[in-house]
C-alpha atoms as a PDB file:
ATOM      1  CA  UNK A   1      -0.102   0.839  -0.266  1.00  0.00           C
ATOM      2  CA  UNK A   2       1.009   3.990  -1.180  1.00  0.00           C
ATOM      3  CA  UNK A   3       1.860   6.184   1.551  1.00  0.00           C
ATOM      4  CA  UNK A   4       0.701   9.548   1.754  1.00  0.00           C
ATOM      5  CA  UNK A   5       2.932  11.214  -0.135  1.00  0.00           C
ATOM      6  CA  UNK A   6       4.750   9.371  -1.102  1.00  0.00           C
ATOM      7  CA  UNK A   7       4.762   9.230  -4.987  1.00  0.00           C
ATOM      8  CA  UNK A   8       6.109   5.806  -7.708  1.00  0.00           C
ATOM      9  CA  UNK A   9       9.607   6.012  -9.305  1.00  0.00           C
ATOM     10  CA  UNK A  10       8.272   3.851 -11.691  1.00  0.00           C
ATOM     11  CA  UNK A  11      12.037   1.836 -11.383  1.00  0.00           C
ATOM     12  CA  UNK A  12      11.922  -0.283  -8.698  1.00  0.00           C
ATOM     13  CA  UNK A  13       9.393  -3.181  -8.221  1.00  0.00           C
ATOM     14  CA  UNK A  14       5.314  -1.704  -6.399  1.00  0.00           C
ATOM     15  CA  UNK A  15       6.044  -3.632  -2.997  1.00  0.00           C
ATOM     16  CA  UNK A  16       9.169  -2.319  -2.796  1.00  0.00           C
ATOM     17  CA  UNK A  17       9.398  -0.275   0.533  1.00  0.00           C
ATOM     18  CA  UNK A  18      11.968   1.830  -1.843  1.00  0.00           C
ATOM     19  CA  UNK A  19      10.328   2.248  -4.455  1.00  0.00           C
ATOM     20  CA  UNK A  20       8.544   5.514  -2.999  1.00  0.00           C
ATOM     21  CA  UNK A  21       9.911   8.988  -2.947  1.00  0.00           C
ATOM     22  CA  UNK A  22       8.436  11.455  -0.377  1.00  0.00           C
ATOM     23  CA  UNK A  23       6.788  14.241  -2.760  1.00  0.00           C
ATOM     24  CA  UNK A  24       4.649  16.039  -0.448  1.00  0.00           C
ATOM     25  CA  UNK A  25       6.266  19.254  -1.070  1.00  0.00           C
ATOM     26  CA  UNK A  26       4.798  18.690  -5.230  1.00  0.00           C
ATOM     27  CA  UNK A  27       1.628  17.438  -3.425  1.00  0.00           C
ATOM     28  CA  UNK A  28       1.313  20.742  -1.717  1.00  0.00           C
ATOM     29  CA  UNK A  29       1.965  22.493  -4.967  1.00  0.00           C
ATOM     30  CA  UNK A  30      -0.042  20.331  -6.716  1.00  0.00           C
ATOM     31  CA  UNK A  31      -2.964  20.885  -4.219  1.00  0.00           C
ATOM     32  CA  UNK A  32      -2.128  24.739  -4.550  1.00  0.00           C
ATOM     33  CA  UNK A  33      -2.046  24.653  -8.340  1.00  0.00           C
ATOM     34  CA  UNK A  34      -6.081  22.507  -7.842  1.00  0.00           C
ATOM     35  CA  UNK A  35      -7.575  25.325  -5.612  1.00  0.00           C
ATOM     36  CA  UNK A  36      -6.354  27.766  -7.745  1.00  0.00           C
ATOM     37  CA  UNK A  37      -7.720  26.102 -10.489  1.00  0.00           C
ATOM     38  CA  UNK A  38     -10.746  25.409  -8.464  1.00  0.00           C
ATOM     39  CA  UNK A  39     -11.306  28.842  -7.297  1.00  0.00           C
ATOM     40  CA  UNK A  40     -10.560  30.330 -11.674  1.00  0.00           C
ATOM     41  CA  UNK A  41     -13.527  27.978 -12.636  1.00  0.00           C
ATOM     42  CA  UNK A  42     -15.802  29.444  -9.838  1.00  0.00           C
ATOM     43  CA  UNK A  43     -15.018  33.275  -9.921  1.00  0.00           C
ATOM     44  CA  UNK A  44     -15.167  32.646 -14.301  1.00  0.00           C
ATOM     45  CA  UNK A  45     -19.125  31.276 -13.532  1.00  0.00           C
ATOM     46  CA  UNK A  46     -19.957  34.356 -11.051  1.00  0.00           C
ATOM     47  CA  UNK A  47     -19.041  36.669 -13.538  1.00  0.00           C
ATOM     48  CA  UNK A  48     -20.892  34.851 -16.349  1.00  0.00           C
ATOM     49  CA  UNK A  49     -23.745  34.868 -14.022  1.00  0.00           C
ATOM     50  CA  UNK A  50     -23.436  38.146 -13.271  1.00  0.00           C
ATOM     51  CA  UNK A  51     -23.126  38.487 -16.670  1.00  0.00           C
ATOM     52  CA  UNK A  52     -25.598  37.198 -17.854  1.00  0.00           C
ATOM     53  CA  UNK A  53     -28.229  38.186 -14.885  1.00  0.00           C
ATOM     54  CA  UNK A  54     -27.383  41.739 -15.845  1.00  0.00           C
ATOM     55  CA  UNK A  55     -27.807  41.710 -19.814  1.00  0.00           C
ATOM     56  CA  UNK A  56     -31.398  39.989 -18.312  1.00  0.00           C
ATOM     57  CA  UNK A  57     -32.772  43.264 -16.604  1.00  0.00           C
ATOM     58  CA  UNK A  58     -31.135  45.205 -19.089  1.00  0.00           C
ATOM     59  CA  UNK A  59     -33.384  43.694 -21.579  1.00  0.00           C
ATOM     60  CA  UNK A  60     -36.612  43.835 -19.346  1.00  0.00           C
ATOM     61  CA  UNK A  61     -36.151  47.265 -18.765  1.00  0.00           C
ATOM     62  CA  UNK A  62     -35.506  47.718 -22.140  1.00  0.00           C
ATOM     63  CA  UNK A  63     -39.391  45.985 -22.843  1.00  0.00           C
ATOM     64  CA  UNK A  64     -41.410  47.252 -20.021  1.00  0.00           C
ATOM     65  CA  UNK A  65     -39.964  51.661 -21.636  1.00  0.00           C
ATOM     66  CA  UNK A  66     -42.477  51.444 -23.568  1.00  0.00           C
ATOM     67  CA  UNK A  67     -45.263  50.003 -21.339  1.00  0.00           C
ATOM     68  CA  UNK A  68     -45.207  52.219 -18.724  1.00  0.00           C
ATOM     69  CA  UNK A  69     -44.510  55.609 -21.094  1.00  0.00           C
ATOM     70  CA  UNK A  70     -48.290  54.021 -22.272  1.00  0.00           C
ATOM     71  CA  UNK A  71     -49.421  54.213 -18.476  1.00  0.00           C
ATOM     72  CA  UNK A  72     -48.282  57.249 -18.900  1.00  0.00           C
ATOM     73  CA  UNK A  73     -50.324  58.931 -20.846  1.00  0.00           C
ATOM     74  CA  UNK A  74     -53.348  56.951 -20.651  1.00  0.00           C
ATOM     75  CA  UNK A  75     -53.038  57.974 -16.195  1.00  0.00           C
ATOM     76  CA  UNK A  76     -52.280  61.962 -18.121  1.00  0.00           C
ATOM     77  CA  UNK A  77     -54.924  61.230 -20.378  1.00  0.00           C
ATOM     78  CA  UNK A  78     -57.468  60.226 -16.796  1.00  0.00           C
ATOM     79  CA  UNK A  79     -55.831  63.224 -15.205  1.00  0.00           C
ATOM     80  CA  UNK A  80     -56.891  65.426 -17.718  1.00  0.00           C
ATOM     81  CA  UNK A  81     -60.326  64.500 -18.772  1.00  0.00           C
ATOM     82  CA  UNK A  82     -61.171  64.013 -15.253  1.00  0.00           C
ATOM     83  CA  UNK A  83     -60.689  67.829 -14.961  1.00  0.00           C
END
């Protein structure tokens, strides 16, 4: 069984105790690289999601502007009719 922090060198029998070299530092570096990749992917996804939400909200605002203008005109016409 392979101990944590050890990697197989490949030049010896996998069953012998000397065939593994301590590579804890390399494993830590790999974990850091992996974590940075996860963070980068998360940030990229968040940025894309935020852009998508902003675009949707802007479309909704643009779609609502004519309705708001029409409602305002109708309200002004009703107010003028009452006065």
